[in-house]
C-alpha atoms as a PDB file:
ATOM      1  CA  MET A   1      51.698 112.923 128.689  1.00  0.00           C
ATOM      2  CA  LYS A   2      55.076 113.035 130.711  1.00  0.00           C
ATOM      3  CA  MET A   3      55.425 109.415 130.443  1.00  0.00           C
ATOM      4  CA  SER A   4      54.648 109.641 126.709  1.00  0.00           C
ATOM      5  CA  THR A   5      57.624 111.909 126.160  1.00  0.00           C
ATOM      6  CA  SER A   6      59.900 109.781 128.146  1.00  0.00           C
ATOM      7  CA  PHE A   7      59.094 106.744 126.018  1.00  0.00           C
ATOM      8  CA  ALA A   8      59.801 108.603 122.984  1.00  0.00           C
ATOM      9  CA  ILE A   9      62.896 109.817 124.021  1.00  0.00           C
ATOM     10  CA  ALA A  10      63.886 106.344 124.934  1.00  0.00           C
ATOM     11  CA  ALA A  11      62.640 105.129 121.546  1.00  0.00           C
ATOM     12  CA  VAL A  12      64.822 107.779 119.745  1.00  0.00           C
ATOM     13  CA  THR A  13      67.811 106.963 121.971  1.00  0.00           C
ATOM     14  CA  VAL A  14      67.550 103.218 121.099  1.00  0.00           C
ATOM     15  CA  VAL A  15      67.184 103.940 117.323  1.00  0.00           C
ATOM     16  CA  LEU A  16      70.088 106.359 117.321  1.00  0.00           C
ATOM     17  CA  ILE A  17      72.359 103.842 119.229  1.00  0.00           C
ATOM     18  CA  GLY A  18      71.297 101.088 116.784  1.00  0.00           C
ATOM     19  CA  LEU A  19      72.096 103.589 113.577  1.00  0.00           C
ATOM     20  CA  ALA A  20      75.520 104.397 115.077  1.00  0.00           C
ATOM     21  CA  LEU A  21      76.546 100.645 115.593  1.00  0.00           C
ATOM     22  CA  THR A  22      75.332  99.831 111.943  1.00  0.00           C
ATOM     23  CA  LEU A  23      77.287 102.828 110.693  1.00  0.00           C
ATOM     24  CA  THR A  24      80.543 102.296 112.723  1.00  0.00           C
ATOM     25  CA  SER A  25      80.547  98.282 112.341  1.00  0.00           C
ATOM     26  CA  PRO A  26      81.791  96.947 108.924  1.00  0.00           C
ATOM     27  CA  PRO A  27      80.175  94.372 107.209  1.00  0.00           C
ATOM     28  CA  VAL A  28      81.542  90.984 107.931  1.00  0.00           C
ATOM     29  CA  ASP A  29      83.190  88.786 105.319  1.00  0.00           C
ATOM     30  CA  VAL A  30      82.039  85.099 105.008  1.00  0.00           C
ATOM     31  CA  VAL A  31      84.384  82.258 103.721  1.00  0.00           C
ATOM     32  CA  GLN A  32      82.460  79.031 102.879  1.00  0.00           C
ATOM     33  CA  ASN A  33      84.563  76.251 103.668  1.00  0.00           C
ATOM     34  CA  GLY A  34      82.148  73.424 103.188  1.00  0.00           C
ATOM     35  CA  TYR A  35      78.911  72.506 101.152  1.00  0.00           C
ATOM     36  CA  ARG A  36      76.303  74.910 100.746  1.00  0.00           C
ATOM     37  CA  GLY A  37      73.474  74.553 103.185  1.00  0.00           C
ATOM     38  CA  THR A  38      75.502  72.939 105.956  1.00  0.00           C
ATOM     39  CA  GLY A  39      76.448  76.254 107.856  1.00  0.00           C
ATOM     40  CA  LEU A  40      80.122  75.488 107.007  1.00  0.00           C
ATOM     41  CA  ALA A  41      81.168  79.134 106.755  1.00  0.00           C
ATOM     42  CA  LEU A  42      84.054  81.356 108.362  1.00  0.00           C
ATOM     43  CA  VAL A  43      83.069  84.725 109.585  1.00  0.00           C
ATOM     44  CA  TYR A  44      85.658  87.468 109.746  1.00  0.00           C
ATOM     45  CA  ASN A  45      85.736  91.066 110.747  1.00  0.00           C
ATOM     46  CA  PRO A  46      87.644  93.100 107.903  1.00  0.00           C
ATOM     47  CA  ARG A  47      88.598  95.605 110.959  1.00  0.00           C
ATOM     48  CA  ASP A  48      90.077  92.866 113.038  1.00  0.00           C
ATOM     49  CA  VAL A  49      91.853  91.295 110.271  1.00  0.00           C
ATOM     50  CA  LYS A  50      93.521  94.587 109.310  1.00  0.00           C
ATOM     51  CA  THR A  51      94.721  95.096 113.071  1.00  0.00           C
ATOM     52  CA  GLU A  52      95.912  91.445 112.981  1.00  0.00           C
ATOM     53  CA  LEU A  53      97.801  91.951 109.924  1.00  0.00           C
ATOM     54  CA  ALA A  54      99.600  95.064 111.338  1.00  0.00           C
ATOM     55  CA  SER A  55     100.582  93.212 114.722  1.00  0.00           C
ATOM     56  CA  SER A  56     101.950  90.036 112.439  1.00  0.00           C
ATOM     57  CA  LYS A  57     104.467  92.084 110.451  1.00  0.00           C
ATOM     58  CA  VAL A  58     107.579  89.914 110.998  1.00  0.00           C
ATOM     59  CA  PRO A  59     111.089  91.527 110.875  1.00  0.00           C
ATOM     60  CA  GLU A  60     113.467  90.955 108.119  1.00  0.00           C
ATOM     61  CA  ALA A  61     116.052  88.179 108.858  1.00  0.00           C
ATOM     62  CA  LEU A  62     119.609  88.957 108.886  1.00  0.00           C
ATOM     63  CA  PRO A  63     121.544  87.013 105.997  1.00  0.00           C
ATOM     64  CA  ARG A  64     122.752  83.837 107.074  1.00  0.00           C
ATOM     65  CA  ALA A  65     126.449  83.206 107.671  1.00  0.00           C
ATOM     66  CA  PRO A  66     128.610  80.192 106.347  1.00  0.00           C
ATOM     67  CA  ASP A  67     128.019  77.053 108.436  1.00  0.00           C
ATOM     68  CA  SER A  68     131.821  76.521 108.178  1.00  0.00           C
ATOM     69  CA  GLY A  69     134.137  77.665 110.937  1.00  0.00           C
ATOM     70  CA  PRO A  70     134.312  76.966 114.723  1.00  0.00           C
ATOM     71  CA  ALA A  71     131.285  75.785 116.649  1.00  0.00           C
ATOM     72  CA  ALA A  72     129.934  78.318 119.062  1.00  0.00           C
ATOM     73  CA  GLY A  73     130.711  75.975 121.837  1.00  0.00           C
ATOM     74  CA  LYS A  74     134.264  75.857 121.176  1.00  0.00           C
ATOM     75  CA  VAL A  75     134.498  79.796 120.971  1.00  0.00           C
ATOM     76  CA  TYR A  76     132.279  80.848 123.743  1.00  0.00           C
ATOM     77  CA  GLN A  77     131.975  79.459 127.454  1.00  0.00           C
ATOM     78  CA  ASN A  78     128.823  78.078 128.871  1.00  0.00           C
ATOM     79  CA  VAL A  79     127.062  77.438 125.483  1.00  0.00           C
ATOM     80  CA  GLN A  80     124.676  74.581 126.618  1.00  0.00           C
ATOM     81  CA  VAL A  81     122.143  74.612 123.876  1.00  0.00           C
ATOM     82  CA  LEU A  82     123.752  75.908 120.691  1.00  0.00           C
ATOM     83  CA  GLY A  83     127.045  74.766 121.051  1.00  0.00           C
ATOM     84  CA  ASP A  84     127.086  72.810 117.674  1.00  0.00           C
ATOM     85  CA  VAL A  85     126.115  76.090 115.727  1.00  0.00           C
ATOM     86  CA  SER A  86     128.740  77.684 113.651  1.00  0.00           C
ATOM     87  CA  VAL A  87     130.051  80.726 115.538  1.00  0.00           C
ATOM     88  CA  GLY A  88     128.910  83.060 112.434  1.00  0.00           C
ATOM     89  CA  ASN A  89     125.158  82.006 112.797  1.00  0.00           C
ATOM     90  CA  PHE A  90     125.237  81.678 116.633  1.00  0.00           C
ATOM     91  CA  ALA A  91     125.914  85.451 116.459  1.00  0.00           C
ATOM     92  CA  ARG A  92     123.392  85.968 114.015  1.00  0.00           C
ATOM     93  CA  LEU A  93     120.633  83.971 116.087  1.00  0.00           C
ATOM     94  CA  MET A  94     121.439  85.922 119.347  1.00  0.00           C
ATOM     95  CA  VAL A  95     121.237  89.181 117.487  1.00  0.00           C
ATOM     96  CA  SER A  96     117.762  88.004 116.035  1.00  0.00           C
ATOM     97  CA  ILE A  97     116.576  86.917 119.417  1.00  0.00           C
ATOM     98  CA  THR A  98     117.323  90.442 121.047  1.00  0.00           C
ATOM     99  CA  THR A  99     115.281  92.058 118.183  1.00  0.00           C
ATOM    100  CA  TRP A 100     112.522  89.407 118.643  1.00  0.00           C
ATOM    101  CA  VAL A 101     112.561  89.529 122.601  1.00  0.00           C
ATOM    102  CA  ALA A 102     114.373  92.517 123.988  1.00  0.00           C
ATOM    103  CA  PRO A 103     114.811  95.304 121.405  1.00  0.00           C
ATOM    104  CA  GLN A 104     115.092  98.205 124.165  1.00  0.00           C
ATOM    105  CA  GLN A 105     117.275  96.355 126.560  1.00  0.00           C
ATOM    106  CA  GLY A 106     119.772  94.699 124.323  1.00  0.00           C
ATOM    107  CA  CYS A 107     121.963  91.967 124.973  1.00  0.00           C
ATOM    108  CA  SER A 108     122.022  93.198 128.940  1.00  0.00           C
ATOM    109  CA  TYR A 109     118.462  91.680 129.321  1.00  0.00           C
ATOM    110  CA  CYS A 110     120.008  88.158 129.501  1.00  0.00           C
ATOM    111  CA  HIS A 111     123.448  88.714 129.969  1.00  0.00           C
ATOM    112  CA  VAL A 112     125.891  90.413 132.525  1.00  0.00           C
ATOM    113  CA  ALA A 113     127.845  92.968 130.877  1.00  0.00           C
ATOM    114  CA  GLY A 114     131.712  91.925 130.660  1.00  0.00           C
ATOM    115  CA  ASN A 115     130.673  88.264 131.654  1.00  0.00           C
ATOM    116  CA  PHE A 116     128.429  86.706 128.985  1.00  0.00           C
ATOM    117  CA  ALA A 117     128.852  83.252 130.408  1.00  0.00           C
ATOM    118  CA  ALA A 118     127.378  84.107 133.922  1.00  0.00           C
ATOM    119  CA  ASP A 119     124.080  82.739 134.853  1.00  0.00           C
ATOM    120  CA  THR A 120     123.576  85.456 137.012  1.00  0.00           C
ATOM    121  CA  LEU A 121     120.356  86.730 135.460  1.00  0.00           C
ATOM    122  CA  TYR A 122     117.096  84.702 135.724  1.00  0.00           C
ATOM    123  CA  THR A 123     116.180  86.053 132.283  1.00  0.00           C
ATOM    124  CA  LYS A 124     119.117  84.065 130.607  1.00  0.00           C
ATOM    125  CA  ILE A 125     117.988  80.642 132.714  1.00  0.00           C
ATOM    126  CA  VAL A 126     114.503  81.390 131.205  1.00  0.00           C
ATOM    127  CA  ALA A 127     115.876  82.202 127.533  1.00  0.00           C
ATOM    128  CA  ARG A 128     117.824  78.859 127.607  1.00  0.00           C
ATOM    129  CA  ARG A 129     114.736  76.980 128.564  1.00  0.00           C
ATOM    130  CA  MET A 130     112.741  78.617 125.965  1.00  0.00           C
ATOM    131  CA  LEU A 131     115.306  77.710 123.281  1.00  0.00           C
ATOM    132  CA  LYS A 132     115.141  74.085 124.273  1.00  0.00           C
ATOM    133  CA  MET A 133     111.275  74.469 123.927  1.00  0.00           C
ATOM    134  CA  VAL A 134     111.215  76.133 120.490  1.00  0.00           C
ATOM    135  CA  LYS A 135     113.475  73.225 119.339  1.00  0.00           C
ATOM    136  CA  PHE A 136     111.433  70.702 120.953  1.00  0.00           C
ATOM    137  CA  ILE A 137     108.502  72.229 119.044  1.00  0.00           C
ATOM    138  CA  ASN A 138     110.080  72.202 115.773  1.00  0.00           C
ATOM    139  CA  ALA A 139     111.507  68.909 115.724  1.00  0.00           C
ATOM    140  CA  HIS A 140     108.690  67.071 117.350  1.00  0.00           C
ATOM    141  CA  TRP A 141     105.491  68.734 116.699  1.00  0.00           C
ATOM    142  CA  THR A 142     105.379  68.890 112.971  1.00  0.00           C
ATOM    143  CA  THR A 143     101.884  67.457 113.552  1.00  0.00           C
ATOM    144  CA  HIS A 144     100.716  70.871 114.783  1.00  0.00           C
ATOM    145  CA  VAL A 145     103.272  73.384 113.525  1.00  0.00           C
ATOM    146  CA  GLY A 146     103.977  71.819 110.108  1.00  0.00           C
ATOM    147  CA  ALA A 147     106.780  72.907 108.128  1.00  0.00           C
ATOM    148  CA  VAL A 148     106.470  76.697 109.384  1.00  0.00           C
ATOM    149  CA  GLY A 149     107.442  76.080 112.827  1.00  0.00           C
ATOM    150  CA  VAL A 150     108.067  78.719 115.396  1.00  0.00           C
ATOM    151  CA  THR A 151     110.878  81.035 116.737  1.00  0.00           C
ATOM    152  CA  CYS A 152     110.734  83.343 119.659  1.00  0.00           C
ATOM    153  CA  PHE A 153     109.160  86.069 117.796  1.00  0.00           C
ATOM    154  CA  THR A 154     105.856  83.931 117.316  1.00  0.00           C
ATOM    155  CA  CYS A 155     105.051  84.536 120.817  1.00  0.00           C
ATOM    156  CA  HIS A 156     107.117  87.844 121.927  1.00  0.00           C
ATOM    157  CA  ARG A 157     106.391  89.995 118.956  1.00  0.00           C
ATOM    158  CA  GLY A 158     109.267  92.349 120.109  1.00  0.00           C
ATOM    159  CA  GLN A 159     108.056  92.285 123.674  1.00  0.00           C
ATOM    160  CA  ASN A 160     109.865  90.825 126.877  1.00  0.00           C
ATOM    161  CA  ILE A 161     106.896  88.682 128.006  1.00  0.00           C
ATOM    162  CA  PRO A 162     104.351  87.485 125.402  1.00  0.00           C
ATOM    163  CA  ALA A 163     101.226  89.449 125.477  1.00  0.00           C
ATOM    164  CA  TYR A 164      99.210  86.363 125.790  1.00  0.00           C
ATOM    165  CA  THR A 165     100.092  84.154 128.771  1.00  0.00           C
ATOM    166  CA  TRP A 166      97.983  82.910 131.345  1.00  0.00           C
ATOM    167  CA  PHE A 167      98.215  82.575 135.100  1.00  0.00           C
ATOM    168  CA  THR A 168      95.908  80.718 137.401  1.00  0.00           C
ATOM    169  CA  PRO A 169      93.212  83.278 138.632  1.00  0.00           C
ATOM    170  CA  ASP A 170      92.090  83.624 142.099  1.00  0.00           C
ATOM    171  CA  PRO A 171      89.244  81.441 142.373  1.00  0.00           C
ATOM    172  CA  PRO A 172      85.912  83.071 143.287  1.00  0.00           C
ATOM    173  CA  HIS A 173      84.453  82.282 146.798  1.00  0.00           C
ATOM    174  CA  ALA A 174      82.190  79.302 147.126  1.00  0.00           C
ATOM    175  CA  ARG A 175      78.358  80.247 147.372  1.00  0.00           C
ATOM    176  CA  GLY A 176      77.499  77.408 149.665  1.00  0.00           C
ATOM    177  CA  ILE A 177      79.171  74.599 151.522  1.00  0.00           C
ATOM    178  CA  MET A 178      77.901  71.762 149.102  1.00  0.00           C
ATOM    179  CA  GLU A 179      78.698  73.977 145.894  1.00  0.00           C
ATOM    180  CA  SER A 180      82.017  74.661 144.391  1.00  0.00           C
ATOM    181  CA  ASP A 181      82.118  77.887 142.495  1.00  0.00           C
ATOM    182  CA  THR A 182      83.475  77.425 139.218  1.00  0.00           C
ATOM    183  CA  GLY A 183      82.827  80.837 137.777  1.00  0.00           C
ATOM    184  CA  GLU A 184      79.407  80.550 135.839  1.00  0.00           C
ATOM    185  CA  ALA A 185      77.535  83.458 135.459  1.00  0.00           C
ATOM    186  CA  ARG A 186      80.784  85.372 135.554  1.00  0.00           C
ATOM    187  CA  PRO A 187      82.328  86.772 132.466  1.00  0.00           C
ATOM    188  CA  ALA A 188      85.578  84.660 131.822  1.00  0.00           C
ATOM    189  CA  PRO A 189      88.082  86.407 129.563  1.00  0.00           C
ATOM    190  CA  VAL A 190      89.858  83.058 128.903  1.00  0.00           C
ATOM    191  CA  ALA A 191      86.429  81.723 127.662  1.00  0.00           C
ATOM    192  CA  GLY A 192      85.572  84.585 125.321  1.00  0.00           C
ATOM    193  CA  LEU A 193      83.919  86.596 128.215  1.00  0.00           C
ATOM    194  CA  SER A 194      81.284  84.021 128.616  1.00  0.00           C
ATOM    195  CA  ALA A 195      79.498  82.765 131.638  1.00  0.00           C
ATOM    196  CA  LEU A 196      81.384  79.686 131.592  1.00  0.00           C
ATOM    197  CA  PRO A 197      83.731  77.937 134.093  1.00  0.00           C
ATOM    198  CA  PHE A 198      86.704  80.402 134.508  1.00  0.00           C
ATOM    199  CA  ASP A 199      89.478  77.960 134.262  1.00  0.00           C
ATOM    200  CA  PRO A 200      89.676  75.376 131.556  1.00  0.00           C
ATOM    201  CA  ILE A 201      93.227  75.994 130.960  1.00  0.00           C
ATOM    202  CA  ASN A 202      94.524  74.126 134.082  1.00  0.00           C
ATOM    203  CA  THR A 203      91.596  71.454 133.575  1.00  0.00           C
ATOM    204  CA  PHE A 204      92.598  70.848 129.748  1.00  0.00           C
ATOM    205  CA  LEU A 205      95.706  72.472 128.830  1.00  0.00           C
ATOM    206  CA  VAL A 206      98.085  71.673 131.830  1.00  0.00           C
ATOM    207  CA  ASN A 207      96.053  68.583 133.208  1.00  0.00           C
ATOM    208  CA  ASN A 208      95.025  65.645 131.094  1.00  0.00           C
ATOM    209  CA  ALA A 209      91.175  65.709 131.621  1.00  0.00           C
ATOM    210  CA  GLU A 210      89.082  64.244 129.126  1.00  0.00           C
ATOM    211  CA  ILE A 211      87.420  66.887 126.746  1.00  0.00           C
ATOM    212  CA  ARG A 212      84.849  64.889 124.902  1.00  0.00           C
ATOM    213  CA  VAL A 213      81.708  64.770 126.441  1.00  0.00           C
ATOM    214  CA  GLN A 214      79.636  62.885 123.806  1.00  0.00           C
ATOM    215  CA  SER A 215      77.943  60.239 125.795  1.00  0.00           C
ATOM    216  CA  GLU A 216      78.557  56.424 124.463  1.00  0.00           C
ATOM    217  CA  THR A 217      76.205  54.926 127.232  1.00  0.00           C
ATOM    218  CA  ALA A 218      72.592  55.015 128.108  1.00  0.00           C
ATOM    219  CA  LEU A 219      73.123  54.549 131.805  1.00  0.00           C
ATOM    220  CA  PRO A 220      74.636  57.195 134.305  1.00  0.00           C
ATOM    221  CA  ALA A 221      77.248  54.752 135.655  1.00  0.00           C
ATOM    222  CA  GLY A 222      80.791  55.975 134.906  1.00  0.00           C
ATOM    223  CA  ASP A 223      79.318  58.440 132.517  1.00  0.00           C
ATOM    224  CA  ARG A 224      81.011  61.901 132.757  1.00  0.00           C
ATOM    225  CA  ALA A 225      79.047  63.491 130.074  1.00  0.00           C
ATOM    226  CA  SER A 226      76.941  65.861 132.373  1.00  0.00           C
ATOM    227  CA  THR A 227      75.612  69.299 131.590  1.00  0.00           C
ATOM    228  CA  LYS A 228      78.298  70.433 134.036  1.00  0.00           C
ATOM    229  CA  GLN A 229      81.189  68.798 132.311  1.00  0.00           C
ATOM    230  CA  THR A 230      79.971  70.161 128.894  1.00  0.00           C
ATOM    231  CA  GLU A 231      80.017  73.716 130.381  1.00  0.00           C
ATOM    232  CA  TRP A 232      83.888  72.953 130.924  1.00  0.00           C
ATOM    233  CA  THR A 233      84.422  71.727 127.502  1.00  0.00           C
ATOM    234  CA  TYR A 234      82.312  74.559 126.224  1.00  0.00           C
ATOM    235  CA  ALA A 235      84.751  77.087 127.780  1.00  0.00           C
ATOM    236  CA  LEU A 236      87.470  75.532 126.324  1.00  0.00           C
ATOM    237  CA  MET A 237      86.101  75.776 123.039  1.00  0.00           C
ATOM    238  CA  MET A 238      85.334  79.388 123.345  1.00  0.00           C
ATOM    239  CA  HIS A 239      89.140  79.771 124.266  1.00  0.00           C
ATOM    240  CA  PHE A 240      90.017  78.145 120.866  1.00  0.00           C
ATOM    241  CA  SER A 241      87.529  80.276 118.955  1.00  0.00           C
ATOM    242  CA  GLN A 242      88.763  83.506 120.570  1.00  0.00           C
ATOM    243  CA  SER A 243      92.232  82.676 120.263  1.00  0.00           C
ATOM    244  CA  LEU A 244      92.417  81.759 116.304  1.00  0.00           C
ATOM    245  CA  GLY A 245      89.663  84.311 115.625  1.00  0.00           C
ATOM    246  CA  VAL A 246      87.562  81.866 113.995  1.00  0.00           C
ATOM    247  CA  ASN A 247      83.938  80.181 114.719  1.00  0.00           C
ATOM    248  CA  CYS A 248      83.234  76.325 115.741  1.00  0.00           C
ATOM    249  CA  VAL A 249      83.023  75.139 111.952  1.00  0.00           C
ATOM    250  CA  PHE A 250      86.870  75.872 111.431  1.00  0.00           C
ATOM    251  CA  CYS A 251      87.205  72.436 113.023  1.00  0.00           C
ATOM    252  CA  HIS A 252      83.539  70.940 113.202  1.00  0.00           C
ATOM    253  CA  ASN A 253      81.054  70.133 110.748  1.00  0.00           C
ATOM    254  CA  SER A 254      77.939  71.950 111.773  1.00  0.00           C
ATOM    255  CA  ARG A 255      75.678  69.062 111.203  1.00  0.00           C
ATOM    256  CA  ALA A 256      77.533  66.390 113.364  1.00  0.00           C
ATOM    257  CA  PHE A 257      79.928  68.231 115.769  1.00  0.00           C
ATOM    258  CA  GLU A 258      81.110  64.771 117.395  1.00  0.00           C
ATOM    259  CA  GLN A 259      82.071  63.021 114.105  1.00  0.00           C
ATOM    260  CA  TRP A 260      85.914  62.912 113.164  1.00  0.00           C
ATOM    261  CA  GLN A 261      84.708  61.691 109.850  1.00  0.00           C
ATOM    262  CA  GLN A 262      83.032  64.689 108.915  1.00  0.00           C
ATOM    263  CA  SER A 263      85.204  67.363 110.412  1.00  0.00           C
ATOM    264  CA  THR A 264      87.869  69.503 108.805  1.00  0.00           C
ATOM    265  CA  PRO A 265      91.554  68.737 108.664  1.00  0.00           C
ATOM    266  CA  GLN A 266      91.869  71.408 111.150  1.00  0.00           C
ATOM    267  CA  ARG A 267      90.526  69.485 113.934  1.00  0.00           C
ATOM    268  CA  ALA A 268      93.229  66.776 113.729  1.00  0.00           C
ATOM    269  CA  THR A 269      95.696  69.790 113.928  1.00  0.00           C
ATOM    270  CA  ALA A 270      93.917  71.187 117.127  1.00  0.00           C
ATOM    271  CA  TRP A 271      94.064  67.552 118.518  1.00  0.00           C
ATOM    272  CA  TYR A 272      97.837  67.425 118.253  1.00  0.00           C
ATOM    273  CA  GLY A 273      97.993  71.117 119.262  1.00  0.00           C
ATOM    274  CA  ILE A 274      96.322  70.303 122.650  1.00  0.00           C
ATOM    275  CA  ARG A 275      98.772  67.761 123.320  1.00  0.00           C
ATOM    276  CA  MET A 276     101.518  70.048 122.386  1.00  0.00           C
ATOM    277  CA  VAL A 277     100.446  72.724 124.855  1.00  0.00           C
ATOM    278  CA  ARG A 278     100.015  70.155 127.820  1.00  0.00           C
ATOM    279  CA  ALA A 279     103.767  69.068 127.318  1.00  0.00           C
ATOM    280  CA  LEU A 280     105.223  72.681 126.939  1.00  0.00           C
ATOM    281  CA  ASN A 281     103.270  73.559 130.351  1.00  0.00           C
ATOM    282  CA  THR A 282     104.259  70.549 132.237  1.00  0.00           C
ATOM    283  CA  GLN A 283     108.000  69.908 130.958  1.00  0.00           C
ATOM    284  CA  TYR A 284     109.302  73.664 130.132  1.00  0.00           C
ATOM    285  CA  LEU A 285     106.862  76.273 131.684  1.00  0.00           C
ATOM    286  CA  GLY A 286     106.032  74.658 134.980  1.00  0.00           C
ATOM    287  CA  PRO A 287     109.670  74.070 136.078  1.00  0.00           C
ATOM    288  CA  LEU A 288     110.761  77.398 135.651  1.00  0.00           C
ATOM    289  CA  VAL A 289     108.324  79.074 138.415  1.00  0.00           C
ATOM    290  CA  SER A 290     111.209  78.669 141.037  1.00  0.00           C
ATOM    291  CA  VAL A 291     113.503  80.971 139.092  1.00  0.00           C
ATOM    292  CA  LEU A 292     110.909  83.664 138.169  1.00  0.00           C
ATOM    293  CA  PRO A 293     110.616  86.633 140.851  1.00  0.00           C
ATOM    294  CA  VAL A 294     107.394  87.181 142.532  1.00  0.00           C
ATOM    295  CA  ASP A 295     106.255  89.948 140.259  1.00  0.00           C
ATOM    296  CA  GLN A 296     106.492  87.567 137.290  1.00  0.00           C
ATOM    297  CA  ARG A 297     104.176  84.994 139.014  1.00  0.00           C
ATOM    298  CA  GLY A 298     100.254  84.931 139.265  1.00  0.00           C
ATOM    299  CA  PRO A 299      98.102  85.567 141.955  1.00  0.00           C
ATOM    300  CA  LEU A 300      98.414  82.147 143.361  1.00  0.00           C
ATOM    301  CA  GLY A 301     102.211  82.002 142.812  1.00  0.00           C
ATOM    302  CA  ASP A 302     102.290  79.952 139.802  1.00  0.00           C
ATOM    303  CA  GLY A 303     104.404  80.699 136.614  1.00  0.00           C
ATOM    304  CA  PRO A 304     102.899  81.708 133.300  1.00  0.00           C
ATOM    305  CA  LYS A 305     101.098  78.917 131.037  1.00  0.00           C
ATOM    306  CA  VAL A 306     101.004  78.688 127.442  1.00  0.00           C
ATOM    307  CA  VAL A 307      97.652  79.007 125.831  1.00  0.00           C
ATOM    308  CA  CYS A 308      96.408  79.009 122.355  1.00  0.00           C
ATOM    309  CA  ALA A 309      96.533  82.622 122.280  1.00  0.00           C
ATOM    310  CA  THR A 310     100.182  82.578 123.039  1.00  0.00           C
ATOM    311  CA  CYS A 311     101.052  81.943 119.645  1.00  0.00           C
ATOM    312  CA  HIS A 312      97.750  82.418 117.447  1.00  0.00           C
ATOM    313  CA  GLN A 313      96.955  85.949 118.936  1.00  0.00           C
ATOM    314  CA  GLY A 314      93.525  86.175 117.243  1.00  0.00           C
ATOM    315  CA  VAL A 315      94.795  84.683 113.772  1.00  0.00           C
ATOM    316  CA  TYR A 316      93.857  81.104 112.501  1.00  0.00           C
ATOM    317  CA  LYS A 317      97.468  80.525 111.718  1.00  0.00           C
ATOM    318  CA  PRO A 318     100.275  82.388 113.689  1.00  0.00           C
ATOM    319  CA  LEU A 319     101.652  85.233 111.917  1.00  0.00           C
ATOM    320  CA  PHE A 320      99.326  84.380 109.071  1.00  0.00           C
ATOM    321  CA  GLY A 321     101.798  81.229 108.163  1.00  0.00           C
ATOM    322  CA  ASN A 322     105.108  83.406 107.817  1.00  0.00           C
ATOM    323  CA  PRO A 323     107.955  80.836 107.603  1.00  0.00           C
ATOM    324  CA  LEU A 324     110.613  82.818 109.687  1.00  0.00           C
ATOM    325  CA  ALA A 325     111.528  79.736 111.268  1.00  0.00           C
ATOM    326  CA  GLN A 326     112.747  78.177 108.229  1.00  0.00           C
ATOM    327  CA  GLN A 327     115.704  80.810 108.071  1.00  0.00           C
ATOM    328  CA  PHE A 328     117.124  79.254 111.145  1.00  0.00           C
ATOM    329  CA  PRO A 329     117.601  75.495 110.784  1.00  0.00           C
ATOM    330  CA  GLU A 330     119.517  75.453 114.158  1.00  0.00           C
ATOM    331  CA  LEU A 331     115.883  75.862 115.824  1.00  0.00           C
ATOM    332  CA  TRP A 332     114.680  72.628 114.227  1.00  0.00           C
ATOM    333  CA  HIS A 333     117.108  70.041 115.705  1.00  0.00           C
ATOM    334  CA  ASP A 334     116.456  68.464 119.027  1.00  0.00           C
ATOM    335  CA  ALA A 335     118.768  65.843 120.386  1.00  0.00           C
ATOM    336  CA  ALA A 336     118.300  66.693 124.061  1.00  0.00           C
ATOM    337  CA  THR A 337     114.722  65.124 124.663  1.00  0.00           C
ATOM    338  CA  PRO A 338     114.835  61.259 125.279  1.00  0.00           C
ATOM    339  CA  ALA A 339     112.180  59.325 123.452  1.00  0.00           C
ATOM    340  CA  ALA A 340     110.729  58.081 126.740  1.00  0.00           C
ATOM    341  CA  GLU A 341     109.736  61.921 127.536  1.00  0.00           C
ATOM    342  CA  MET A 342     107.670  62.262 124.054  1.00  0.00           C
ATOM    343  CA  PRO A 343     104.010  62.719 125.099  1.00  0.00           C
ATOM    344  CA  ALA A 344     101.404  60.966 122.744  1.00  0.00           C
ATOM    345  CA  GLY A 345     101.089  62.828 119.379  1.00  0.00           C
ATOM    346  CA  ALA A 346     104.837  64.333 119.104  1.00  0.00           C
ATOM    347  CA  THR A 347     107.066  62.820 116.545  1.00  0.00           C
ATOM    348  CA  LYS A 348     109.577  60.346 117.783  1.00  0.00           C
ATOM    349  CA  PRO A 349     113.398  61.227 117.024  1.00  0.00           C
END
């Protein structure tokens, strides 16, 4: 009798929990992006979309000043990146950057009061490098960002440090002398809290590891397409899905995941994006670690990494495609990066 009562209470509890989840979880929206019957459908949660729309609100751009007048480099000292911009539009961009990155601190976040030319603050050195990075992206990675481009606001959203940067985690201890622990069976936040390898970022978005695991040979010699390698690739795919708020068929055809010919155009855009992120991490973020204070570094002493979520922040297109960058043409020209430093996939000057 006692067991029956306990069972009944447990059953009622399960039913109530299920009912609560049903009532509180909104119905999903499904957008078909391929032929019927092929499973090509994107699933969205209206509650998440509402939150993402609110977080993607873009500040109104200041009116553009005339391009005439003296260049900023002729008026101000130590202008190393935007010296050819007219002084009026240079001031407009500086005010905009303050709004995008340091609305609470103002100019003093990067500049020394009374001596704006000084490079005393590490934040100014970082900001200068980030300006170069923005120009590099807009000028040479239209294969990924298209005509929309990026600004500081794309990642920062009014915060000193973007909400979605990544540091190399302190690796878990090995479980045996013959096995290295890659983090399986532990929820990996960067991989959608899945029980997949915990660090696909260094593997694929810093280093140039092969992502494709589709075997092209019948024999094992030289074949990397193992189950373990596939788990690493799946971890990266989970990161893509989580970062963009989409499921697999945003890029892949569900009937033939490996076939480029049957994939969506977004898969090609992602291919370029992978190479762009690698270039940003190795050429721009990595060299900055020496100027960062200790509290701005990760548990292993490394600097922050750019990941897909840094710009996308849960949305298939950052800021839902708002073309804020088009109102700042000075962020689209990059004459400082030699063609020899351009990685595969970048648009040569």
